[in-house]
């Protein structure tokens, strides 16, 4: 997403419909795509997207110009997605791995692929809700396990174990297509 010009932000703070439309047009693709990464149903993702944009417009006065406006909007959309998932589904975030299970071999985590981004994103969409949520937050949004744990009300170890299980499941899905191995750097 491109940086949103300050005059559009100010126009939205003044409830200018033209500025609101410009903000929507500039950011709808990115923010709806973000919702689709968390919410597998496009109808549900549209609802979450609409709720998120409503919140952006009604809470825009709380944006303090510290940090990027785009990051502020992204955080609102992510929170809306997480709230939806908590209401609609059980994320099944209760399994914690033992230390032995936690130590995946580096060989099983190699990242060598000929797959397109679309194929990888399709595979991510096939993950169970809990796995997909943790994977998205950690890998794509670059949250730390502490932040994920706080956002979802789980332990740090549960976040870590869900990521490991998500990587294994994703690897299994992609291995069915020409021997794909996945490596995710630990943070």
N, C-alpha and C. Protein backbone atom coordinates (compact mmCIF):
# COMPACT_ATOMS: atom_id res chain seq x y z
N UNK A 1 0.85 -1.17 0.00
CA UNK A 1 0.00 0.00 0.00
C UNK A 1 0.90 1.24 0.00
N UNK A 2 0.51 2.19 -0.79
CA UNK A 2 1.26 3.43 -0.87
C UNK A 2 0.95 4.31 0.33
N UNK A 3 1.89 5.16 0.71
CA UNK A 3 1.61 6.09 1.82
C UNK A 3 0.39 6.96 1.49
N UNK A 4 -0.46 7.13 2.47
CA UNK A 4 -1.66 7.95 2.31
C UNK A 4 -1.27 9.41 2.52
N UNK A 5 -1.56 10.28 1.54
CA UNK A 5 -1.22 11.70 1.71
C UNK A 5 -1.90 12.32 2.94
N UNK A 6 -1.18 13.20 3.59
CA UNK A 6 -1.69 13.84 4.82
C UNK A 6 -2.99 14.60 4.60
N UNK A 7 -3.17 15.21 3.41
CA UNK A 7 -4.40 15.96 3.17
C UNK A 7 -5.63 15.04 3.16
N UNK A 8 -5.45 13.79 2.75
CA UNK A 8 -6.57 12.85 2.77
C UNK A 8 -6.89 12.47 4.22
N UNK A 9 -5.86 12.24 5.02
CA UNK A 9 -6.07 11.91 6.44
C UNK A 9 -6.79 13.06 7.13
N UNK A 10 -6.31 14.28 6.89
CA UNK A 10 -6.96 15.45 7.51
C UNK A 10 -8.40 15.61 7.03
N UNK A 11 -8.63 15.37 5.73
CA UNK A 11 -9.99 15.45 5.20
C UNK A 11 -10.90 14.42 5.87
N UNK A 12 -10.37 13.23 6.10
CA UNK A 12 -11.16 12.19 6.79
C UNK A 12 -11.44 12.59 8.23
N UNK A 13 -10.46 13.21 8.88
CA UNK A 13 -10.69 13.68 10.26
C UNK A 13 -11.79 14.72 10.30
N UNK A 14 -11.93 15.49 9.20
CA UNK A 14 -12.98 16.50 9.10
C UNK A 14 -14.26 15.93 8.48
N UNK A 15 -14.32 14.61 8.33
CA UNK A 15 -15.47 13.89 7.79
C UNK A 15 -15.84 14.33 6.38
N UNK A 16 -14.83 14.65 5.58
CA UNK A 16 -15.04 15.03 4.19
C UNK A 16 -15.30 13.77 3.36
N UNK A 17 -16.48 13.66 2.74
CA UNK A 17 -16.81 12.44 1.97
C UNK A 17 -15.84 12.17 0.82
N UNK A 18 -15.35 13.22 0.18
CA UNK A 18 -14.39 13.03 -0.91
C UNK A 18 -13.09 12.41 -0.41
N UNK A 19 -12.61 12.88 0.72
CA UNK A 19 -11.39 12.32 1.32
C UNK A 19 -11.62 10.89 1.77
N UNK A 20 -12.79 10.62 2.33
CA UNK A 20 -13.11 9.26 2.76
C UNK A 20 -13.12 8.31 1.56
N UNK A 21 -13.70 8.77 0.45
CA UNK A 21 -13.73 7.94 -0.75
C UNK A 21 -12.31 7.69 -1.25
N UNK A 22 -11.48 8.73 -1.26
CA UNK A 22 -10.09 8.58 -1.71
C UNK A 22 -9.33 7.58 -0.83
N UNK A 23 -9.51 7.70 0.49
CA UNK A 23 -8.85 6.77 1.41
C UNK A 23 -9.29 5.35 1.13
N UNK A 24 -10.59 5.17 0.96
CA UNK A 24 -11.13 3.85 0.67
C UNK A 24 -10.52 3.30 -0.62
N UNK A 25 -10.53 4.09 -1.67
CA UNK A 25 -10.02 3.65 -2.97
C UNK A 25 -8.52 3.32 -2.91
N UNK A 26 -7.76 4.11 -2.17
CA UNK A 26 -6.32 3.89 -2.09
C UNK A 26 -5.94 2.64 -1.30
N UNK A 27 -6.79 2.27 -0.35
CA UNK A 27 -6.38 1.20 0.56
C UNK A 27 -7.25 -0.05 0.52
N UNK A 28 -8.33 -0.05 -0.24
CA UNK A 28 -9.26 -1.18 -0.22
C UNK A 28 -8.61 -2.49 -0.67
N UNK A 29 -7.80 -2.47 -1.71
CA UNK A 29 -7.19 -3.70 -2.21
C UNK A 29 -6.30 -4.35 -1.17
N UNK A 30 -5.43 -3.57 -0.58
CA UNK A 30 -4.50 -4.09 0.42
C UNK A 30 -5.24 -4.58 1.66
N UNK A 31 -6.16 -3.77 2.17
CA UNK A 31 -6.84 -4.13 3.41
C UNK A 31 -7.81 -5.29 3.23
N UNK A 32 -8.47 -5.37 2.07
CA UNK A 32 -9.34 -6.52 1.84
C UNK A 32 -8.51 -7.79 1.68
N UNK A 33 -7.37 -7.68 1.01
CA UNK A 33 -6.47 -8.83 0.89
C UNK A 33 -6.00 -9.31 2.26
N UNK A 34 -5.73 -8.36 3.15
CA UNK A 34 -5.35 -8.70 4.52
C UNK A 34 -6.48 -9.49 5.19
N UNK A 35 -7.71 -9.04 5.04
CA UNK A 35 -8.85 -9.74 5.64
C UNK A 35 -8.99 -11.15 5.06
N UNK A 36 -8.77 -11.30 3.77
CA UNK A 36 -8.88 -12.61 3.13
C UNK A 36 -7.82 -13.59 3.63
N UNK A 37 -6.67 -13.09 4.07
CA UNK A 37 -5.64 -13.99 4.61
C UNK A 37 -6.09 -14.62 5.93
N UNK A 38 -6.92 -13.93 6.68
CA UNK A 38 -7.38 -14.43 7.97
C UNK A 38 -8.74 -15.11 7.90
N UNK A 39 -9.61 -14.63 7.05
CA UNK A 39 -10.99 -15.09 6.99
C UNK A 39 -11.20 -15.83 5.66
N UNK A 40 -11.40 -17.14 5.70
CA UNK A 40 -11.48 -17.90 4.44
C UNK A 40 -12.72 -17.62 3.61
N UNK A 41 -13.81 -17.25 4.22
CA UNK A 41 -15.05 -16.97 3.49
C UNK A 41 -15.01 -15.53 2.99
N UNK A 42 -15.18 -15.35 1.68
CA UNK A 42 -15.14 -13.99 1.14
C UNK A 42 -16.29 -13.13 1.67
N UNK A 43 -17.45 -13.74 1.91
CA UNK A 43 -18.58 -12.98 2.47
C UNK A 43 -18.24 -12.49 3.88
N UNK A 44 -17.67 -13.37 4.70
CA UNK A 44 -17.27 -12.96 6.05
C UNK A 44 -16.14 -11.94 6.00
N UNK A 45 -15.20 -12.12 5.08
CA UNK A 45 -14.09 -11.17 4.94
C UNK A 45 -14.62 -9.79 4.55
N UNK A 46 -15.63 -9.75 3.69
CA UNK A 46 -16.24 -8.47 3.31
C UNK A 46 -16.88 -7.79 4.52
N UNK A 47 -17.56 -8.59 5.36
CA UNK A 47 -18.18 -8.02 6.56
C UNK A 47 -17.12 -7.45 7.50
N UNK A 48 -16.05 -8.20 7.70
CA UNK A 48 -14.97 -7.75 8.58
C UNK A 48 -14.32 -6.50 7.99
N UNK A 49 -14.10 -6.50 6.68
CA UNK A 49 -13.52 -5.35 5.99
C UNK A 49 -14.40 -4.11 6.18
N UNK A 50 -15.71 -4.28 6.02
CA UNK A 50 -16.64 -3.15 6.20
C UNK A 50 -16.59 -2.64 7.64
N UNK A 51 -16.62 -3.57 8.60
CA UNK A 51 -16.55 -3.18 10.01
C UNK A 51 -15.24 -2.46 10.30
N UNK A 52 -14.15 -2.97 9.73
CA UNK A 52 -12.84 -2.34 9.93
C UNK A 52 -12.79 -0.94 9.36
N UNK A 53 -13.34 -0.76 8.15
CA UNK A 53 -13.33 0.58 7.56
C UNK A 53 -14.21 1.53 8.35
N UNK A 54 -15.35 1.05 8.83
CA UNK A 54 -16.20 1.88 9.67
C UNK A 54 -15.41 2.34 10.90
N UNK A 55 -14.68 1.41 11.50
CA UNK A 55 -13.88 1.74 12.68
C UNK A 55 -12.78 2.75 12.33
N UNK A 56 -12.16 2.58 11.17
CA UNK A 56 -11.12 3.53 10.73
C UNK A 56 -11.72 4.93 10.64
N UNK A 57 -12.88 5.03 10.00
CA UNK A 57 -13.51 6.34 9.84
C UNK A 57 -13.97 6.94 11.16
N UNK A 58 -14.48 6.12 12.06
CA UNK A 58 -15.00 6.66 13.32
C UNK A 58 -13.91 6.89 14.37
N UNK A 59 -12.78 6.21 14.22
CA UNK A 59 -11.70 6.35 15.21
C UNK A 59 -10.51 7.14 14.67
N UNK A 60 -10.66 7.74 13.49
CA UNK A 60 -9.53 8.40 12.85
C UNK A 60 -8.96 9.55 13.71
N UNK A 61 -9.80 10.14 14.55
CA UNK A 61 -9.30 11.20 15.44
C UNK A 61 -8.31 10.66 16.47
N UNK A 62 -8.35 9.36 16.72
CA UNK A 62 -7.41 8.78 17.69
C UNK A 62 -6.03 8.52 17.07
N UNK A 63 -5.92 8.64 15.74
CA UNK A 63 -4.60 8.50 15.10
C UNK A 63 -3.79 9.75 15.45
N UNK A 64 -2.66 9.52 16.10
CA UNK A 64 -1.89 10.63 16.65
C UNK A 64 -0.72 11.08 15.78
N UNK A 65 -0.63 10.59 14.56
CA UNK A 65 0.47 10.90 13.63
C UNK A 65 1.79 10.31 14.08
N UNK A 66 1.78 9.48 15.13
CA UNK A 66 2.99 8.76 15.52
C UNK A 66 2.95 7.42 14.82
N UNK A 67 3.98 7.09 14.09
CA UNK A 67 3.97 5.87 13.30
C UNK A 67 3.20 6.10 12.02
N UNK A 68 3.21 5.09 11.16
CA UNK A 68 2.55 5.27 9.87
C UNK A 68 1.05 5.10 9.98
N UNK A 69 0.34 5.87 9.21
CA UNK A 69 -1.11 5.79 9.16
C UNK A 69 -1.52 4.43 8.58
N UNK A 70 -0.75 3.96 7.60
CA UNK A 70 -1.03 2.67 6.98
C UNK A 70 -0.92 1.54 8.01
N UNK A 71 0.08 1.62 8.87
CA UNK A 71 0.24 0.64 9.94
C UNK A 71 -0.91 0.70 10.94
N UNK A 72 -1.38 1.91 11.21
CA UNK A 72 -2.51 2.10 12.12
C UNK A 72 -3.76 1.43 11.53
N UNK A 73 -4.00 1.65 10.24
CA UNK A 73 -5.16 1.03 9.58
C UNK A 73 -5.00 -0.50 9.56
N UNK A 74 -3.80 -0.97 9.25
CA UNK A 74 -3.54 -2.41 9.21
C UNK A 74 -3.84 -3.05 10.56
N UNK A 75 -3.42 -2.39 11.63
CA UNK A 75 -3.65 -2.92 12.98
C UNK A 75 -5.15 -3.01 13.28
N UNK A 76 -5.92 -2.01 12.86
CA UNK A 76 -7.37 -2.05 13.06
C UNK A 76 -7.97 -3.24 12.32
N UNK A 77 -7.57 -3.44 11.06
CA UNK A 77 -8.11 -4.55 10.28
C UNK A 77 -7.72 -5.90 10.88
N UNK A 78 -6.48 -6.04 11.32
CA UNK A 78 -6.05 -7.29 11.94
C UNK A 78 -6.87 -7.56 13.19
N UNK A 79 -7.06 -6.53 14.01
CA UNK A 79 -7.87 -6.70 15.22
C UNK A 79 -9.31 -7.09 14.90
N UNK A 80 -9.87 -6.51 13.85
CA UNK A 80 -11.23 -6.88 13.42
C UNK A 80 -11.26 -8.34 12.99
N UNK A 81 -10.24 -8.78 12.26
CA UNK A 81 -10.17 -10.18 11.83
C UNK A 81 -10.09 -11.11 13.04
N UNK A 82 -9.25 -10.75 13.99
CA UNK A 82 -9.09 -11.59 15.18
C UNK A 82 -10.37 -11.63 16.00
N UNK A 83 -11.05 -10.50 16.12
CA UNK A 83 -12.32 -10.48 16.85
C UNK A 83 -13.35 -11.38 16.17
N UNK A 84 -13.39 -11.32 14.85
CA UNK A 84 -14.31 -12.16 14.09
C UNK A 84 -13.99 -13.64 14.31
N UNK A 85 -12.73 -13.99 14.24
CA UNK A 85 -12.33 -15.38 14.43
C UNK A 85 -12.67 -15.88 15.84
N UNK A 86 -12.47 -15.02 16.83
CA UNK A 86 -12.80 -15.41 18.20
C UNK A 86 -14.30 -15.64 18.36
N UNK A 87 -15.12 -14.82 17.68
CA UNK A 87 -16.57 -14.95 17.79
C UNK A 87 -17.09 -16.15 16.99
N UNK A 88 -16.58 -16.34 15.80
CA UNK A 88 -17.15 -17.31 14.86
C UNK A 88 -16.56 -18.71 14.97
N UNK A 89 -15.30 -18.80 15.36
CA UNK A 89 -14.66 -20.12 15.32
C UNK A 89 -13.86 -20.34 16.59
N UNK A 90 -13.59 -21.58 16.82
CA UNK A 90 -12.65 -21.92 17.88
C UNK A 90 -11.30 -22.04 17.21
N UNK A 91 -10.35 -21.25 17.62
CA UNK A 91 -9.05 -21.27 16.95
C UNK A 91 -8.23 -22.51 17.31
N UNK A 92 -8.68 -23.30 18.26
CA UNK A 92 -7.98 -24.52 18.67
C UNK A 92 -6.52 -24.23 18.98
N UNK A 93 -6.29 -23.31 19.89
CA UNK A 93 -4.93 -22.91 20.24
C UNK A 93 -4.54 -23.43 21.61
N UNK A 94 -4.64 -24.72 21.80
CA UNK A 94 -4.36 -25.25 23.12
C UNK A 94 -3.19 -26.22 23.16
N UNK A 95 -2.72 -26.68 22.03
CA UNK A 95 -1.64 -27.67 21.99
C UNK A 95 -0.30 -26.97 22.20
N UNK A 96 0.46 -27.48 23.15
CA UNK A 96 1.83 -26.99 23.32
C UNK A 96 2.77 -28.15 23.13
N UNK A 97 3.82 -27.93 22.36
CA UNK A 97 4.77 -28.99 22.07
C UNK A 97 5.80 -29.12 23.18
N UNK A 98 6.28 -30.33 23.34
CA UNK A 98 7.37 -30.53 24.28
C UNK A 98 8.65 -30.00 23.66
N UNK A 99 9.69 -29.88 24.45
CA UNK A 99 10.97 -29.37 23.95
C UNK A 99 11.50 -30.22 22.81
N UNK A 100 11.35 -31.54 22.90
CA UNK A 100 11.83 -32.41 21.83
C UNK A 100 11.06 -32.18 20.53
N UNK A 101 9.75 -32.00 20.62
CA UNK A 101 8.96 -31.74 19.43
C UNK A 101 9.24 -30.36 18.88
N UNK A 102 9.63 -29.45 19.74
CA UNK A 102 9.88 -28.08 19.36
C UNK A 102 11.13 -27.94 18.50
N UNK A 103 12.04 -28.89 18.57
CA UNK A 103 13.30 -28.82 17.83
C UNK A 103 13.15 -29.50 16.48
N UNK A 104 12.66 -28.77 15.50
CA UNK A 104 12.56 -29.31 14.15
C UNK A 104 13.94 -29.31 13.52
N UNK A 105 14.23 -30.31 12.75
CA UNK A 105 15.53 -30.35 12.10
C UNK A 105 15.59 -29.29 11.01
N UNK A 106 16.78 -28.74 10.81
CA UNK A 106 16.95 -27.73 9.78
C UNK A 106 16.67 -28.32 8.40
N UNK A 107 17.00 -29.60 8.23
CA UNK A 107 16.77 -30.23 6.94
C UNK A 107 15.30 -30.22 6.57
N UNK A 108 14.42 -30.41 7.55
CA UNK A 108 12.99 -30.43 7.25
C UNK A 108 12.43 -29.03 7.04
N UNK A 109 13.27 -28.01 7.24
CA UNK A 109 12.78 -26.65 7.08
C UNK A 109 13.42 -25.92 5.89
N UNK A 110 14.08 -26.63 5.00
CA UNK A 110 14.70 -25.99 3.85
C UNK A 110 13.65 -25.26 3.01
N UNK A 111 14.03 -24.12 2.48
CA UNK A 111 13.11 -23.37 1.63
C UNK A 111 13.64 -23.40 0.22
N UNK A 112 13.10 -24.29 -0.56
CA UNK A 112 13.45 -24.41 -1.97
C UNK A 112 12.15 -24.66 -2.70
N UNK A 113 11.78 -23.76 -3.58
CA UNK A 113 10.48 -23.93 -4.22
C UNK A 113 10.46 -23.35 -5.62
N UNK A 114 9.61 -23.91 -6.41
CA UNK A 114 9.29 -23.38 -7.72
C UNK A 114 7.84 -22.90 -7.74
N UNK A 115 7.22 -22.86 -6.56
CA UNK A 115 5.82 -22.48 -6.47
C UNK A 115 5.65 -20.98 -6.57
N UNK A 116 4.52 -20.60 -7.13
CA UNK A 116 4.19 -19.18 -7.23
C UNK A 116 3.63 -18.69 -5.90
N UNK A 117 3.59 -17.39 -5.76
CA UNK A 117 2.99 -16.78 -4.56
C UNK A 117 1.54 -17.24 -4.44
N UNK A 118 0.83 -17.31 -5.56
CA UNK A 118 -0.58 -17.74 -5.52
C UNK A 118 -0.71 -19.15 -4.96
N UNK A 119 0.19 -20.06 -5.37
CA UNK A 119 0.13 -21.43 -4.86
C UNK A 119 0.41 -21.47 -3.36
N UNK A 120 1.36 -20.68 -2.92
CA UNK A 120 1.69 -20.64 -1.50
C UNK A 120 0.52 -20.05 -0.71
N UNK A 121 -0.06 -18.95 -1.21
CA UNK A 121 -1.19 -18.34 -0.51
C UNK A 121 -2.40 -19.28 -0.49
N UNK A 122 -2.61 -20.04 -1.55
CA UNK A 122 -3.69 -21.02 -1.58
C UNK A 122 -3.46 -22.10 -0.52
N UNK A 123 -2.20 -22.51 -0.38
CA UNK A 123 -1.86 -23.51 0.64
C UNK A 123 -2.09 -22.94 2.04
N UNK A 124 -1.73 -21.69 2.25
CA UNK A 124 -1.95 -21.05 3.55
C UNK A 124 -3.44 -21.00 3.86
N UNK A 125 -4.25 -20.73 2.84
CA UNK A 125 -5.71 -20.70 3.03
C UNK A 125 -6.27 -22.04 3.46
N UNK A 126 -5.57 -23.13 3.16
CA UNK A 126 -6.03 -24.47 3.52
C UNK A 126 -5.71 -24.84 4.96
N UNK A 127 -4.89 -24.02 5.62
CA UNK A 127 -4.55 -24.31 7.02
C UNK A 127 -5.78 -24.13 7.90
N UNK A 128 -5.88 -24.90 8.98
CA UNK A 128 -6.96 -24.65 9.96
C UNK A 128 -6.87 -23.22 10.49
N UNK A 129 -7.98 -22.67 10.94
CA UNK A 129 -8.05 -21.27 11.38
C UNK A 129 -6.94 -20.88 12.35
N UNK A 130 -6.72 -21.69 13.38
CA UNK A 130 -5.71 -21.36 14.38
C UNK A 130 -4.32 -21.31 13.79
N UNK A 131 -3.97 -22.31 13.00
CA UNK A 131 -2.65 -22.35 12.36
C UNK A 131 -2.48 -21.15 11.43
N UNK A 132 -3.51 -20.91 10.59
CA UNK A 132 -3.43 -19.82 9.62
C UNK A 132 -3.28 -18.47 10.32
N UNK A 133 -4.00 -18.29 11.41
CA UNK A 133 -3.94 -17.02 12.14
C UNK A 133 -2.53 -16.78 12.70
N UNK A 134 -1.98 -17.77 13.38
CA UNK A 134 -0.63 -17.64 13.95
C UNK A 134 0.39 -17.46 12.84
N UNK A 135 0.28 -18.24 11.78
CA UNK A 135 1.22 -18.15 10.65
C UNK A 135 1.18 -16.74 10.06
N UNK A 136 -0.02 -16.23 9.79
CA UNK A 136 -0.14 -14.88 9.23
C UNK A 136 0.45 -13.82 10.16
N UNK A 137 0.12 -13.91 11.43
CA UNK A 137 0.61 -12.90 12.38
C UNK A 137 2.13 -12.94 12.49
N UNK A 138 2.71 -14.13 12.54
CA UNK A 138 4.15 -14.25 12.74
C UNK A 138 4.93 -14.01 11.45
N UNK A 139 4.55 -14.70 10.38
CA UNK A 139 5.34 -14.67 9.15
C UNK A 139 5.05 -13.44 8.30
N UNK A 140 3.78 -13.15 8.10
CA UNK A 140 3.43 -12.07 7.18
C UNK A 140 3.40 -10.71 7.89
N UNK A 141 2.75 -10.65 9.05
CA UNK A 141 2.65 -9.38 9.76
C UNK A 141 3.88 -9.09 10.62
N UNK A 142 4.72 -10.10 10.82
CA UNK A 142 5.97 -10.00 11.59
C UNK A 142 5.76 -9.64 13.05
N UNK A 143 4.67 -10.15 13.63
CA UNK A 143 4.46 -10.00 15.07
C UNK A 143 5.44 -10.93 15.78
N UNK A 144 5.80 -10.59 16.97
CA UNK A 144 6.60 -11.47 17.82
C UNK A 144 5.63 -12.38 18.58
N UNK A 145 6.14 -13.51 19.07
CA UNK A 145 5.27 -14.44 19.78
C UNK A 145 4.60 -13.78 20.99
N UNK A 146 5.29 -12.88 21.65
CA UNK A 146 4.72 -12.17 22.79
C UNK A 146 3.51 -11.35 22.34
N UNK A 147 3.63 -10.66 21.20
CA UNK A 147 2.52 -9.86 20.69
C UNK A 147 1.34 -10.74 20.28
N UNK A 148 1.63 -11.87 19.67
CA UNK A 148 0.57 -12.80 19.26
C UNK A 148 -0.15 -13.32 20.50
N UNK A 149 0.64 -13.71 21.50
CA UNK A 149 0.06 -14.24 22.74
C UNK A 149 -0.87 -13.20 23.37
N UNK A 150 -0.44 -11.96 23.42
CA UNK A 150 -1.27 -10.89 24.00
C UNK A 150 -2.53 -10.66 23.17
N UNK A 151 -2.39 -10.64 21.85
CA UNK A 151 -3.53 -10.36 20.97
C UNK A 151 -4.59 -11.46 21.04
N UNK A 152 -4.14 -12.71 21.20
CA UNK A 152 -5.07 -13.83 21.17
C UNK A 152 -5.42 -14.37 22.55
N UNK A 153 -4.77 -13.85 23.59
CA UNK A 153 -5.04 -14.33 24.93
C UNK A 153 -4.55 -15.75 25.15
N UNK A 154 -3.37 -16.06 24.61
CA UNK A 154 -2.78 -17.39 24.74
C UNK A 154 -1.38 -17.24 25.31
N UNK A 155 -0.74 -18.37 25.62
CA UNK A 155 0.64 -18.31 26.11
C UNK A 155 1.61 -18.17 24.94
N UNK A 156 2.79 -17.69 25.23
CA UNK A 156 3.83 -17.58 24.21
C UNK A 156 4.16 -18.96 23.66
N UNK A 157 4.22 -19.98 24.54
CA UNK A 157 4.51 -21.34 24.08
C UNK A 157 3.43 -21.88 23.15
N UNK A 158 2.18 -21.52 23.40
CA UNK A 158 1.11 -21.94 22.50
C UNK A 158 1.30 -21.29 21.14
N UNK A 159 1.67 -20.02 21.11
CA UNK A 159 1.93 -19.35 19.84
C UNK A 159 3.06 -20.05 19.10
N UNK A 160 4.12 -20.37 19.80
CA UNK A 160 5.26 -21.04 19.16
C UNK A 160 4.87 -22.41 18.65
N UNK A 161 4.14 -23.16 19.45
CA UNK A 161 3.78 -24.52 19.02
C UNK A 161 2.81 -24.48 17.84
N UNK A 162 1.89 -23.53 17.83
CA UNK A 162 0.96 -23.41 16.72
C UNK A 162 1.70 -23.05 15.43
N UNK A 163 2.74 -22.23 15.54
CA UNK A 163 3.53 -21.88 14.36
C UNK A 163 4.24 -23.11 13.83
N UNK A 164 4.82 -23.90 14.72
CA UNK A 164 5.51 -25.12 14.30
C UNK A 164 4.53 -26.07 13.61
N UNK A 165 3.36 -26.24 14.21
CA UNK A 165 2.36 -27.13 13.61
C UNK A 165 1.85 -26.56 12.28
N UNK A 166 1.71 -25.25 12.19
CA UNK A 166 1.28 -24.62 10.94
C UNK A 166 2.32 -24.84 9.85
N UNK A 167 3.60 -24.69 10.19
CA UNK A 167 4.66 -24.90 9.21
C UNK A 167 4.67 -26.35 8.74
N UNK A 168 4.50 -27.29 9.66
CA UNK A 168 4.47 -28.70 9.28
C UNK A 168 3.29 -28.99 8.35
N UNK A 169 2.13 -28.45 8.70
CA UNK A 169 0.94 -28.67 7.88
C UNK A 169 1.10 -28.02 6.51
N UNK A 170 1.63 -26.80 6.48
CA UNK A 170 1.85 -26.10 5.22
C UNK A 170 2.86 -26.87 4.36
N UNK A 171 3.89 -27.34 5.00
CA UNK A 171 4.90 -28.13 4.30
C UNK A 171 4.26 -29.38 3.70
N UNK A 172 3.40 -30.03 4.46
CA UNK A 172 2.72 -31.23 3.99
C UNK A 172 1.83 -30.91 2.78
N UNK A 173 1.11 -29.81 2.85
CA UNK A 173 0.23 -29.40 1.74
C UNK A 173 1.06 -29.14 0.49
N UNK A 174 2.16 -28.40 0.66
CA UNK A 174 2.97 -28.03 -0.49
C UNK A 174 3.84 -29.18 -1.01
N UNK A 175 4.19 -30.12 -0.14
CA UNK A 175 4.98 -31.27 -0.56
C UNK A 175 4.23 -32.11 -1.57
N UNK A 176 2.92 -32.07 -1.48
CA UNK A 176 2.10 -32.81 -2.44
C UNK A 176 2.30 -32.27 -3.85
N UNK A 177 2.84 -31.08 -3.93
CA UNK A 177 3.16 -30.45 -5.21
C UNK A 177 4.68 -30.38 -5.34
N UNK A 178 5.29 -31.28 -6.00
CA UNK A 178 6.71 -31.27 -6.37
C UNK A 178 7.68 -31.02 -5.23
N UNK A 179 7.57 -31.71 -4.14
CA UNK A 179 8.57 -31.70 -3.08
C UNK A 179 8.99 -30.35 -2.55
N UNK A 180 8.09 -29.59 -2.02
CA UNK A 180 8.37 -28.27 -1.45
C UNK A 180 8.76 -28.42 0.01
N UNK A 181 9.83 -27.75 0.43
CA UNK A 181 10.21 -27.70 1.84
C UNK A 181 10.19 -26.25 2.28
N UNK A 182 9.74 -26.00 3.48
CA UNK A 182 9.53 -24.67 3.99
C UNK A 182 10.49 -24.33 5.11
N UNK A 183 11.10 -23.16 5.04
CA UNK A 183 11.97 -22.68 6.13
C UNK A 183 11.46 -21.31 6.55
N UNK A 184 11.15 -21.17 7.81
CA UNK A 184 10.73 -19.89 8.38
C UNK A 184 11.76 -19.52 9.42
N UNK A 185 12.35 -18.36 9.30
CA UNK A 185 13.33 -17.92 10.28
C UNK A 185 12.68 -17.71 11.62
N UNK A 186 13.40 -18.11 12.67
CA UNK A 186 12.90 -17.91 14.04
C UNK A 186 13.23 -16.50 14.49
N UNK A 187 12.29 -15.89 15.24
CA UNK A 187 12.55 -14.55 15.80
C UNK A 187 12.44 -14.68 17.28
